[in-house]
Amino acid sequence: MYRSLIIDNLGINQGMIFENIVAQMLRANGHELYFHEFEYCPEGNSVSKSYEVDFLTVRGKRLSPIEVKSSGYKSHKSFDYFKDKYQVKMNDRYIIYTKDLAFDDGVLYIPIYMTMFL
């Protein structure tokens, strides 16, 4: 580890850091945060797999899933499977990432610095 640090080759898990930042901002705004892991068998598959959603918040009696992406924001399979499995119980869906504010296919994409406005 020391050698990696000296030659500036220390791998950092940015996703973990981003999730921690988002969790702190959401808690500072009074959100109760929940983590959710679920089993799902996508259509066409015969075996179910385990998937997870970074954060769930409850608004009224409905769930708002939040996925945090430090890179590769276009790929969010577990987020999509969560929607398929729990659509009746869902409210707004959010992906917090490093790009500009956008809305696409029912998902609000929020730059990380705007997390405080959720």
C-alpha atoms as a PDB file:
ATOM      1  CA  MET A   1       0.000   0.000   0.000  1.00  0.00           C
ATOM      2  CA  TYR A   2       2.833   2.372   0.857  1.00  0.00           C
ATOM      3  CA  ARG A   3       4.449   1.796  -2.553  1.00  0.00           C
ATOM      4  CA  SER A   4       1.113   2.380  -4.325  1.00  0.00           C
ATOM      5  CA  LEU A   5       0.658   5.617  -2.413  1.00  0.00           C
ATOM      6  CA  ILE A   6       4.174   6.835  -3.301  1.00  0.00           C
ATOM      7  CA  ILE A   7       3.797   6.148  -7.032  1.00  0.00           C
ATOM      8  CA  ASP A   8       0.251   7.570  -7.081  1.00  0.00           C
ATOM      9  CA  ASN A   9      -1.335   4.242  -7.979  1.00  0.00           C
ATOM     10  CA  LEU A  10      -3.740   3.852  -5.081  1.00  0.00           C
ATOM     11  CA  GLY A  11      -7.121   2.616  -6.294  1.00  0.00           C
ATOM     12  CA  ILE A  12     -10.032   4.460  -4.697  1.00  0.00           C
ATOM     13  CA  ASN A  13     -13.571   3.168  -4.600  1.00  0.00           C
ATOM     14  CA  GLN A  14     -15.313   6.352  -5.719  1.00  0.00           C
ATOM     15  CA  GLY A  15     -18.730   4.714  -5.542  1.00  0.00           C
ATOM     16  CA  MET A  16     -18.343   4.110  -1.824  1.00  0.00           C
ATOM     17  CA  ILE A  17     -17.274   7.725  -1.247  1.00  0.00           C
ATOM     18  CA  PHE A  18     -20.170   9.099  -3.320  1.00  0.00           C
ATOM     19  CA  GLU A  19     -22.689   6.913  -1.468  1.00  0.00           C
ATOM     20  CA  ASN A  20     -21.350   8.171   1.849  1.00  0.00           C
ATOM     21  CA  ILE A  21     -21.612  11.817   0.743  1.00  0.00           C
ATOM     22  CA  VAL A  22     -25.185  11.299  -0.488  1.00  0.00           C
ATOM     23  CA  ALA A  23     -26.173   9.492   2.722  1.00  0.00           C
ATOM     24  CA  GLN A  24     -24.855  12.372   4.830  1.00  0.00           C
ATOM     25  CA  MET A  25     -26.691  14.986   2.752  1.00  0.00           C
ATOM     26  CA  LEU A  26     -29.970  13.070   2.859  1.00  0.00           C
ATOM     27  CA  ARG A  27     -29.757  12.467   6.612  1.00  0.00           C
ATOM     28  CA  ALA A  28     -28.908  16.138   7.180  1.00  0.00           C
ATOM     29  CA  ASN A  29     -32.212  16.961   5.446  1.00  0.00           C
ATOM     30  CA  GLY A  30     -34.130  14.632   7.743  1.00  0.00           C
ATOM     31  CA  HIS A  31     -34.585  11.615   5.457  1.00  0.00           C
ATOM     32  CA  GLU A  32     -34.795   8.159   6.991  1.00  0.00           C
ATOM     33  CA  LEU A  33     -32.636   5.949   4.791  1.00  0.00           C
ATOM     34  CA  TYR A  34     -33.081   2.267   4.096  1.00  0.00           C
ATOM     35  CA  PHE A  35     -30.998  -0.181   2.101  1.00  0.00           C
ATOM     36  CA  HIS A  36     -32.824  -2.862   0.149  1.00  0.00           C
ATOM     37  CA  GLU A  37     -31.602  -6.164  -1.238  1.00  0.00           C
ATOM     38  CA  PHE A  38     -34.045  -8.305  -3.187  1.00  0.00           C
ATOM     39  CA  GLU A  39     -34.279 -11.457  -5.257  1.00  0.00           C
ATOM     40  CA  TYR A  40     -35.490 -11.027  -8.834  1.00  0.00           C
ATOM     41  CA  CYS A  41     -35.813 -13.263 -11.854  1.00  0.00           C
ATOM     42  CA  PRO A  42     -35.764 -11.141 -15.022  1.00  0.00           C
ATOM     43  CA  GLU A  43     -38.092 -12.169 -17.812  1.00  0.00           C
ATOM     44  CA  GLY A  44     -36.504 -14.867 -19.917  1.00  0.00           C
ATOM     45  CA  ASN A  45     -34.252 -16.134 -17.123  1.00  0.00           C
ATOM     46  CA  SER A  46     -34.898 -19.238 -15.085  1.00  0.00           C
ATOM     47  CA  VAL A  47     -32.725 -18.310 -12.103  1.00  0.00           C
ATOM     48  CA  SER A  48     -33.278 -15.382  -9.751  1.00  0.00           C
ATOM     49  CA  LYS A  49     -30.345 -13.272  -8.590  1.00  0.00           C
ATOM     50  CA  SER A  50     -29.775 -10.897  -5.734  1.00  0.00           C
ATOM     51  CA  TYR A  51     -29.933  -7.157  -6.493  1.00  0.00           C
ATOM     52  CA  GLU A  52     -29.709  -4.046  -4.342  1.00  0.00           C
ATOM     53  CA  VAL A  53     -30.829  -0.435  -4.294  1.00  0.00           C
ATOM     54  CA  ASP A  54     -28.508   2.056  -2.601  1.00  0.00           C
ATOM     55  CA  PHE A  55     -31.170   3.976  -0.666  1.00  0.00           C
ATOM     56  CA  LEU A  56     -34.898   3.920  -0.146  1.00  0.00           C
ATOM     57  CA  THR A  57     -36.810   6.799   1.366  1.00  0.00           C
ATOM     58  CA  VAL A  58     -40.471   6.792   2.235  1.00  0.00           C
ATOM     59  CA  ARG A  59     -42.745   9.626   1.176  1.00  0.00           C
ATOM     60  CA  GLY A  60     -46.287   9.200   2.387  1.00  0.00           C
ATOM     61  CA  LYS A  61     -46.801   5.483   2.013  1.00  0.00           C
ATOM     62  CA  ARG A  62     -44.722   5.079  -1.128  1.00  0.00           C
ATOM     63  CA  LEU A  63     -41.075   4.269  -1.753  1.00  0.00           C
ATOM     64  CA  SER A  64     -38.581   6.506  -3.516  1.00  0.00           C
ATOM     65  CA  PRO A  65     -35.514   4.536  -4.620  1.00  0.00           C
ATOM     66  CA  ILE A  66     -32.219   6.384  -4.933  1.00  0.00           C
ATOM     67  CA  GLU A  67     -29.259   5.016  -6.846  1.00  0.00           C
ATOM     68  CA  VAL A  68     -25.836   6.681  -6.597  1.00  0.00           C
ATOM     69  CA  LYS A  69     -23.508   6.488  -9.589  1.00  0.00           C
ATOM     70  CA  SER A  70     -19.917   7.718  -9.642  1.00  0.00           C
ATOM     71  CA  SER A  71     -19.554   6.483 -13.241  1.00  0.00           C
ATOM     72  CA  GLY A  72     -21.463   4.401 -15.763  1.00  0.00           C
ATOM     73  CA  TYR A  73     -24.804   6.017 -14.987  1.00  0.00           C
ATOM     74  CA  LYS A  74     -26.529   4.553 -18.056  1.00  0.00           C
ATOM     75  CA  SER A  75     -26.314   1.050 -16.587  1.00  0.00           C
ATOM     76  CA  HIS A  76     -28.565   0.567 -13.559  1.00  0.00           C
ATOM     77  CA  LYS A  77     -29.955  -2.932 -13.824  1.00  0.00           C
ATOM     78  CA  SER A  78     -30.908  -3.382 -10.158  1.00  0.00           C
ATOM     79  CA  PHE A  79     -32.664   0.005 -10.176  1.00  0.00           C
ATOM     80  CA  ASP A  80     -34.730  -1.059 -13.197  1.00  0.00           C
ATOM     81  CA  TYR A  81     -35.544  -4.456 -11.691  1.00  0.00           C
ATOM     82  CA  PHE A  82     -36.647  -2.737  -8.493  1.00  0.00           C
ATOM     83  CA  LYS A  83     -39.107  -0.691 -10.575  1.00  0.00           C
ATOM     84  CA  ASP A  84     -40.439  -3.815 -12.257  1.00  0.00           C
ATOM     85  CA  LYS A  85     -40.893  -5.653  -8.968  1.00  0.00           C
ATOM     86  CA  TYR A  86     -42.332  -2.843  -6.810  1.00  0.00           C
ATOM     87  CA  GLN A  87     -43.937  -0.426  -9.286  1.00  0.00           C
ATOM     88  CA  VAL A  88     -47.242  -0.292  -7.388  1.00  0.00           C
ATOM     89  CA  LYS A  89     -45.500   0.846  -4.207  1.00  0.00           C
ATOM     90  CA  MET A  90     -43.218   3.424  -5.828  1.00  0.00           C
ATOM     91  CA  ASN A  91     -43.203   7.177  -5.939  1.00  0.00           C
ATOM     92  CA  ASP A  92     -40.350   9.158  -7.492  1.00  0.00           C
ATOM     93  CA  ARG A  93     -37.117   7.546  -8.682  1.00  0.00           C
ATOM     94  CA  TYR A  94     -33.735   9.254  -8.471  1.00  0.00           C
ATOM     95  CA  ILE A  95     -30.262   8.627  -9.793  1.00  0.00           C
ATOM     96  CA  ILE A  96     -27.616  10.850  -8.250  1.00  0.00           C
ATOM     97  CA  TYR A  97     -24.579  11.190 -10.481  1.00  0.00           C
ATOM     98  CA  THR A  98     -21.849  13.530 -11.780  1.00  0.00           C
ATOM     99  CA  LYS A  99     -23.586  14.925 -14.872  1.00  0.00           C
ATOM    100  CA  ASP A 100     -26.255  17.599 -15.489  1.00  0.00           C
ATOM    101  CA  LEU A 101     -29.844  17.604 -14.257  1.00  0.00           C
ATOM    102  CA  ALA A 102     -32.060  15.474 -16.514  1.00  0.00           C
ATOM    103  CA  PHE A 103     -35.357  13.597 -16.595  1.00  0.00           C
ATOM    104  CA  ASP A 104     -35.651  10.420 -18.643  1.00  0.00           C
ATOM    105  CA  ASP A 105     -38.120   7.520 -18.568  1.00  0.00           C
ATOM    106  CA  GLY A 106     -39.589   8.479 -15.201  1.00  0.00           C
ATOM    107  CA  VAL A 107     -36.191   8.883 -13.521  1.00  0.00           C
ATOM    108  CA  LEU A 108     -34.871  12.215 -12.252  1.00  0.00           C
ATOM    109  CA  TYR A 109     -31.093  12.360 -12.737  1.00  0.00           C
ATOM    110  CA  ILE A 110     -29.631  14.734 -10.173  1.00  0.00           C
ATOM    111  CA  PRO A 111     -26.074  16.087  -9.960  1.00  0.00           C
ATOM    112  CA  ILE A 112     -24.541  15.119  -6.633  1.00  0.00           C
ATOM    113  CA  TYR A 113     -24.362  18.734  -5.446  1.00  0.00           C
ATOM    114  CA  MET A 114     -28.196  18.995  -5.746  1.00  0.00           C
ATOM    115  CA  THR A 115     -28.866  16.068  -3.381  1.00  0.00           C
ATOM    116  CA  MET A 116     -29.713  18.525  -0.625  1.00  0.00           C
ATOM    117  CA  PHE A 117     -32.855  19.524  -2.530  1.00  0.00           C
ATOM    118  CA  LEU A 118     -34.491  16.087  -2.336  1.00  0.00           C
END
